[in-house]
C-alpha atoms as a PDB file:
ATOM      1  CA  MET A   1     -74.807 -31.064 -21.559  1.00  0.00           C
ATOM      2  CA  THR A   2     -74.533 -27.863 -19.756  1.00  0.00           C
ATOM      3  CA  TRP A   3     -74.412 -30.108 -16.697  1.00  0.00           C
ATOM      4  CA  LEU A   4     -71.608 -32.334 -17.934  1.00  0.00           C
ATOM      5  CA  LEU A   5     -69.471 -29.167 -18.558  1.00  0.00           C
ATOM      6  CA  ARG A   6     -69.993 -27.960 -15.205  1.00  0.00           C
ATOM      7  CA  ALA A   7     -69.312 -31.501 -13.813  1.00  0.00           C
ATOM      8  CA  LEU A   8     -66.080 -31.502 -15.659  1.00  0.00           C
ATOM      9  CA  ALA A   9     -64.808 -28.099 -14.864  1.00  0.00           C
ATOM     10  CA  PHE A  10     -65.349 -28.836 -11.468  1.00  0.00           C
ATOM     11  CA  ALA A  11     -63.685 -31.893 -10.987  1.00  0.00           C
ATOM     12  CA  ALA A  12     -60.832 -30.092 -12.752  1.00  0.00           C
ATOM     13  CA  LEU A  13     -60.865 -27.063 -10.431  1.00  0.00           C
ATOM     14  CA  VAL A  14     -60.765 -30.053  -7.549  1.00  0.00           C
ATOM     15  CA  THR A  15     -57.915 -31.900  -8.931  1.00  0.00           C
ATOM     16  CA  ALA A  16     -56.040 -28.842  -9.304  1.00  0.00           C
ATOM     17  CA  SER A  17     -56.448 -27.733  -6.026  1.00  0.00           C
ATOM     18  CA  ALA A  18     -55.331 -30.830  -4.731  1.00  0.00           C
ATOM     19  CA  CYS A  19     -52.268 -31.065  -6.982  1.00  0.00           C
ATOM     20  CA  ALA A  20     -51.053 -27.416  -5.896  1.00  0.00           C
ATOM     21  CA  ASP A  21     -51.642 -28.560  -2.216  1.00  0.00           C
ATOM     22  CA  THR A  22     -49.313 -31.550  -2.541  1.00  0.00           C
ATOM     23  CA  LEU A  23     -46.734 -29.270  -4.596  1.00  0.00           C
ATOM     24  CA  ALA A  24     -46.896 -26.753  -1.600  1.00  0.00           C
ATOM     25  CA  ALA A  25     -46.430 -29.425   1.024  1.00  0.00           C
ATOM     26  CA  ASP A  26     -43.716 -31.448  -0.269  1.00  0.00           C
ATOM     27  CA  PRO A  27     -41.317 -28.920  -1.976  1.00  0.00           C
ATOM     28  CA  ALA A  28     -38.618 -30.432  -4.037  1.00  0.00           C
ATOM     29  CA  VAL A  29     -35.123 -31.186  -2.536  1.00  0.00           C
ATOM     30  CA  GLY A  30     -31.966 -31.390  -4.650  1.00  0.00           C
ATOM     31  CA  ALA A  31     -28.454 -30.768  -4.373  1.00  0.00           C
ATOM     32  CA  CYS A  32     -26.866 -27.400  -3.076  1.00  0.00           C
ATOM     33  CA  TYR A  33     -23.360 -26.132  -4.621  1.00  0.00           C
ATOM     34  CA  CYS A  34     -21.612 -23.446  -2.627  1.00  0.00           C
ATOM     35  CA  ARG A  35     -18.245 -21.780  -3.910  1.00  0.00           C
ATOM     36  CA  ALA A  36     -16.393 -20.192  -1.090  1.00  0.00           C
ATOM     37  CA  ALA A  37     -12.619 -19.062  -0.940  1.00  0.00           C
ATOM     38  CA  GLY A  38     -12.193 -21.056  -4.160  1.00  0.00           C
ATOM     39  CA  ALA A  39     -13.471 -24.592  -3.005  1.00  0.00           C
ATOM     40  CA  LEU A  40     -16.798 -25.915  -4.429  1.00  0.00           C
ATOM     41  CA  GLN A  41     -18.628 -27.991  -1.930  1.00  0.00           C
ATOM     42  CA  CYS A  42     -22.024 -29.684  -2.272  1.00  0.00           C
ATOM     43  CA  THR A  43     -24.648 -30.686   0.573  1.00  0.00           C
ATOM     44  CA  ALA A  44     -27.525 -33.175  -0.929  1.00  0.00           C
ATOM     45  CA  GLY A  45     -31.594 -33.024   0.224  1.00  0.00           C
ATOM     46  CA  LEU A  46     -31.978 -29.242   0.540  1.00  0.00           C
ATOM     47  CA  THR A  47     -34.812 -27.282  -0.914  1.00  0.00           C
ATOM     48  CA  GLU A  48     -33.722 -24.225  -2.830  1.00  0.00           C
ATOM     49  CA  ARG A  49     -34.768 -21.799   0.027  1.00  0.00           C
ATOM     50  CA  GLU A  50     -32.534 -23.931   2.511  1.00  0.00           C
ATOM     51  CA  CYS A  51     -29.741 -23.612  -0.171  1.00  0.00           C
ATOM     52  CA  ARG A  52     -30.126 -20.045  -0.507  1.00  0.00           C
ATOM     53  CA  ARG A  53     -30.170 -19.406   3.329  1.00  0.00           C
ATOM     54  CA  ARG A  54     -26.924 -21.534   3.825  1.00  0.00           C
ATOM     55  CA  CYS A  55     -25.000 -20.069   1.465  1.00  0.00           C
ATOM     56  CA  ASP A  56     -25.983 -16.636   2.563  1.00  0.00           C
ATOM     57  CA  GLU A  57     -24.810 -17.580   6.035  1.00  0.00           C
ATOM     58  CA  ALA A  58     -21.725 -19.310   4.518  1.00  0.00           C
ATOM     59  CA  LEU A  59     -20.959 -16.322   2.329  1.00  0.00           C
ATOM     60  CA  CYS A  60     -20.420 -18.006  -0.493  1.00  0.00           C
ATOM     61  CA  ASP A  61     -19.143 -16.212  -3.521  1.00  0.00           C
ATOM     62  CA  ASP A  62     -21.791 -18.219  -5.912  1.00  0.00           C
ATOM     63  CA  TRP A  63     -24.104 -20.957  -5.413  1.00  0.00           C
ATOM     64  CA  LEU A  64     -26.597 -23.220  -7.540  1.00  0.00           C
ATOM     65  CA  TRP A  65     -29.231 -25.451  -6.618  1.00  0.00           C
ATOM     66  CA  ARG A  66     -30.198 -28.660  -8.755  1.00  0.00           C
ATOM     67  CA  GLU A  67     -33.339 -29.759  -8.173  1.00  0.00           C
ATOM     68  CA  ARG A  68     -34.086 -33.927  -7.621  1.00  0.00           C
ATOM     69  CA  LEU A  69     -30.384 -34.184  -8.306  1.00  0.00           C
ATOM     70  CA  PRO A  70     -27.686 -35.859  -5.685  1.00  0.00           C
ATOM     71  CA  CYS A  71     -24.450 -34.260  -5.327  1.00  0.00           C
ATOM     72  CA  TRP A  72     -21.898 -34.750  -8.160  1.00  0.00           C
ATOM     73  CA  ASN A  73     -18.833 -36.109  -7.081  1.00  0.00           C
ATOM     74  CA  TRP A  74     -16.967 -35.147 -10.176  1.00  0.00           C
ATOM     75  CA  GLY A  75     -15.973 -38.546 -10.991  1.00  0.00           C
ATOM     76  CA  TYR A  76     -12.977 -38.892  -7.777  1.00  0.00           C
ATOM     77  CA  GLY A  77     -14.771 -41.066  -5.835  1.00  0.00           C
ATOM     78  CA  GLY A  78     -16.132 -38.741  -3.083  1.00  0.00           C
END
């Protein structure tokens, strides 16, 4: 019985390690919203780190990153 528990624990450890490697290698991308000078702009397909860097460089007043979502065109066809 002990060997079964050890085998299950080892399998869980290997699976968790593989999942962590996959997440680290493939960060989520999403929509990056930046408000500067009263205008809100969005860039799709950025990671949160890229969004933060880009907004810092653009001197955004505030910014928001939405994971795994495209830019929303606010219903105006843009």
